[in-house]
C-alpha atoms as a PDB file:
ATOM      1  CA  UNK A   1       9.873  -5.311   4.386  1.00  0.00           C
ATOM      2  CA  UNK A   2       9.110  -7.437   7.447  1.00  0.00           C
ATOM      3  CA  UNK A   3      11.678  -8.374   9.998  1.00  0.00           C
ATOM      4  CA  UNK A   4      14.687  -7.548   7.693  1.00  0.00           C
ATOM      5  CA  UNK A   5      14.044  -3.762   7.981  1.00  0.00           C
ATOM      6  CA  UNK A   6      14.604  -3.356   4.254  1.00  0.00           C
ATOM      7  CA  UNK A   7      12.981  -0.823   1.987  1.00  0.00           C
ATOM      8  CA  UNK A   8      12.805  -1.437  -1.684  1.00  0.00           C
ATOM      9  CA  UNK A   9      11.862   1.516  -3.972  1.00  0.00           C
ATOM     10  CA  UNK A  10      11.845   2.682  -7.560  1.00  0.00           C
ATOM     11  CA  UNK A  11      11.546   6.177  -8.791  1.00  0.00           C
ATOM     12  CA  UNK A  12       9.841   7.482 -11.900  1.00  0.00           C
ATOM     13  CA  UNK A  13      11.533  10.798 -12.562  1.00  0.00           C
ATOM     14  CA  UNK A  14      11.209  12.189  -8.961  1.00  0.00           C
ATOM     15  CA  UNK A  15      14.289  13.587  -7.170  1.00  0.00           C
ATOM     16  CA  UNK A  16      16.256  10.961  -5.320  1.00  0.00           C
ATOM     17  CA  UNK A  17      15.071  10.426  -1.782  1.00  0.00           C
ATOM     18  CA  UNK A  18      17.582  11.143   0.986  1.00  0.00           C
ATOM     19  CA  UNK A  19      18.400   8.859   3.880  1.00  0.00           C
ATOM     20  CA  UNK A  20      19.300  10.651   7.080  1.00  0.00           C
ATOM     21  CA  UNK A  21      20.859   9.253  10.277  1.00  0.00           C
ATOM     22  CA  UNK A  22      23.317  11.081  12.530  1.00  0.00           C
ATOM     23  CA  UNK A  23      24.994   7.745  13.223  1.00  0.00           C
ATOM     24  CA  UNK A  24      25.727   7.059   9.551  1.00  0.00           C
ATOM     25  CA  UNK A  25      28.673   8.379   7.624  1.00  0.00           C
ATOM     26  CA  UNK A  26      27.985  10.475   5.723  1.00  0.00           C
ATOM     27  CA  UNK A  27      25.045  11.717   7.670  1.00  0.00           C
ATOM     28  CA  UNK A  28      22.758  12.003   4.641  1.00  0.00           C
ATOM     29  CA  UNK A  29      22.967   9.791   1.533  1.00  0.00           C
ATOM     30  CA  UNK A  30      20.925   9.901  -1.630  1.00  0.00           C
ATOM     31  CA  UNK A  31      19.101   6.633  -2.482  1.00  0.00           C
ATOM     32  CA  UNK A  32      20.092   6.229  -6.101  1.00  0.00           C
ATOM     33  CA  UNK A  33      18.094   4.409  -8.753  1.00  0.00           C
ATOM     34  CA  UNK A  34      17.252   5.044 -12.429  1.00  0.00           C
ATOM     35  CA  UNK A  35      13.786   5.843 -13.577  1.00  0.00           C
ATOM     36  CA  UNK A  36      12.098   7.636 -16.429  1.00  0.00           C
ATOM     37  CA  UNK A  37       9.375  10.178 -15.739  1.00  0.00           C
ATOM     38  CA  UNK A  38       5.958   8.642 -15.744  1.00  0.00           C
ATOM     39  CA  UNK A  39       4.212   9.388 -19.105  1.00  0.00           C
ATOM     40  CA  UNK A  40       7.301   9.989 -21.157  1.00  0.00           C
ATOM     41  CA  UNK A  41       7.063   6.594 -22.888  1.00  0.00           C
ATOM     42  CA  UNK A  42       5.075   3.395 -22.728  1.00  0.00           C
ATOM     43  CA  UNK A  43       5.802  -0.296 -22.471  1.00  0.00           C
ATOM     44  CA  UNK A  44       9.311  -1.792 -22.673  1.00  0.00           C
ATOM     45  CA  UNK A  45      11.101   1.587 -22.962  1.00  0.00           C
ATOM     46  CA  UNK A  46       9.651   2.769 -19.624  1.00  0.00           C
ATOM     47  CA  UNK A  47       9.940  -0.593 -17.952  1.00  0.00           C
ATOM     48  CA  UNK A  48      13.536  -1.000 -18.910  1.00  0.00           C
ATOM     49  CA  UNK A  49      14.343   2.437 -17.574  1.00  0.00           C
ATOM     50  CA  UNK A  50      13.244   1.505 -14.022  1.00  0.00           C
ATOM     51  CA  UNK A  51      15.682   0.263 -11.428  1.00  0.00           C
ATOM     52  CA  UNK A  52      14.908  -0.777  -7.824  1.00  0.00           C
ATOM     53  CA  UNK A  53      17.027   0.342  -4.937  1.00  0.00           C
ATOM     54  CA  UNK A  54      17.186  -1.616  -1.695  1.00  0.00           C
ATOM     55  CA  UNK A  55      18.136   0.060   1.602  1.00  0.00           C
ATOM     56  CA  UNK A  56      18.826  -1.607   4.859  1.00  0.00           C
ATOM     57  CA  UNK A  57      17.150   0.539   7.500  1.00  0.00           C
ATOM     58  CA  UNK A  58      18.766   1.162  10.915  1.00  0.00           C
ATOM     59  CA  UNK A  59      17.219   2.599  14.087  1.00  0.00           C
ATOM     60  CA  UNK A  60      16.970   6.323  13.650  1.00  0.00           C
ATOM     61  CA  UNK A  61      16.857   6.416   9.922  1.00  0.00           C
ATOM     62  CA  UNK A  62      14.606   9.043   8.266  1.00  0.00           C
ATOM     63  CA  UNK A  63      13.761   8.878   4.603  1.00  0.00           C
ATOM     64  CA  UNK A  64      13.027  12.287   3.049  1.00  0.00           C
ATOM     65  CA  UNK A  65      10.920  12.121  -0.062  1.00  0.00           C
ATOM     66  CA  UNK A  66      10.179  15.390  -1.867  1.00  0.00           C
ATOM     67  CA  UNK A  67       9.354  16.794  -5.231  1.00  0.00           C
ATOM     68  CA  UNK A  68      11.082  19.476  -7.363  1.00  0.00           C
ATOM     69  CA  UNK A  69       8.410  21.806  -6.176  1.00  0.00           C
ATOM     70  CA  UNK A  70      10.322  22.031  -2.895  1.00  0.00           C
ATOM     71  CA  UNK A  71      13.695  22.662  -4.330  1.00  0.00           C
ATOM     72  CA  UNK A  72      12.475  25.047  -7.070  1.00  0.00           C
ATOM     73  CA  UNK A  73      10.445  27.225  -4.582  1.00  0.00           C
ATOM     74  CA  UNK A  74      11.588  30.788  -4.620  1.00  0.00           C
ATOM     75  CA  UNK A  75      11.934  33.363  -1.905  1.00  0.00           C
ATOM     76  CA  UNK A  76      10.399  36.919  -2.444  1.00  0.00           C
ATOM     77  CA  UNK A  77      13.900  37.968  -3.711  1.00  0.00           C
ATOM     78  CA  UNK A  78      13.838  35.137  -6.256  1.00  0.00           C
ATOM     79  CA  UNK A  79      16.395  32.757  -4.789  1.00  0.00           C
ATOM     80  CA  UNK A  80      15.598  29.020  -5.056  1.00  0.00           C
ATOM     81  CA  UNK A  81      15.139  26.987  -1.935  1.00  0.00           C
ATOM     82  CA  UNK A  82      17.579  24.425  -3.447  1.00  0.00           C
ATOM     83  CA  UNK A  83      18.572  20.806  -2.682  1.00  0.00           C
ATOM     84  CA  UNK A  84      21.138  21.661  -0.002  1.00  0.00           C
ATOM     85  CA  UNK A  85      18.564  23.534   2.103  1.00  0.00           C
ATOM     86  CA  UNK A  86      16.033  20.811   1.535  1.00  0.00           C
ATOM     87  CA  UNK A  87      18.517  18.231   2.785  1.00  0.00           C
ATOM     88  CA  UNK A  88      19.460  20.181   5.741  1.00  0.00           C
ATOM     89  CA  UNK A  89      15.757  20.935   6.608  1.00  0.00           C
ATOM     90  CA  UNK A  90      14.680  17.224   6.140  1.00  0.00           C
ATOM     91  CA  UNK A  91      17.349  15.952   8.463  1.00  0.00           C
ATOM     92  CA  UNK A  92      16.353  18.252  11.241  1.00  0.00           C
ATOM     93  CA  UNK A  93      12.527  17.487  11.411  1.00  0.00           C
ATOM     94  CA  UNK A  94      10.838  18.102  14.775  1.00  0.00           C
ATOM     95  CA  UNK A  95      10.122  14.323  15.260  1.00  0.00           C
ATOM     96  CA  UNK A  96      13.791  13.403  14.688  1.00  0.00           C
ATOM     97  CA  UNK A  97      14.403  12.056  18.135  1.00  0.00           C
ATOM     98  CA  UNK A  98      11.855   9.277  17.973  1.00  0.00           C
ATOM     99  CA  UNK A  99      12.438   5.908  16.329  1.00  0.00           C
ATOM    100  CA  UNK A 100       9.670   4.276  14.379  1.00  0.00           C
ATOM    101  CA  UNK A 101       7.950   1.389  16.188  1.00  0.00           C
END
């Protein structure tokens, strides 16, 4: 959102995105908002379940969007990848040292 560096989002049943920044405390934070899965209901029921979240972005912020396919992926031994590993991986991406223009 323009010069204010704000991001407004709504989710429709997806996992909550995670905001990473080594300068923030805590270093990663879920961006929380309510939202019903798309297709579960129509009209007012769906619309009333939606909630926008607004995030003030800082230099160095990284927003990690993912689906449950990542967290539910399994290793050959059957262990799920899990949310904690996804968060740790997302916050350490190769491009992490560069700020957005």
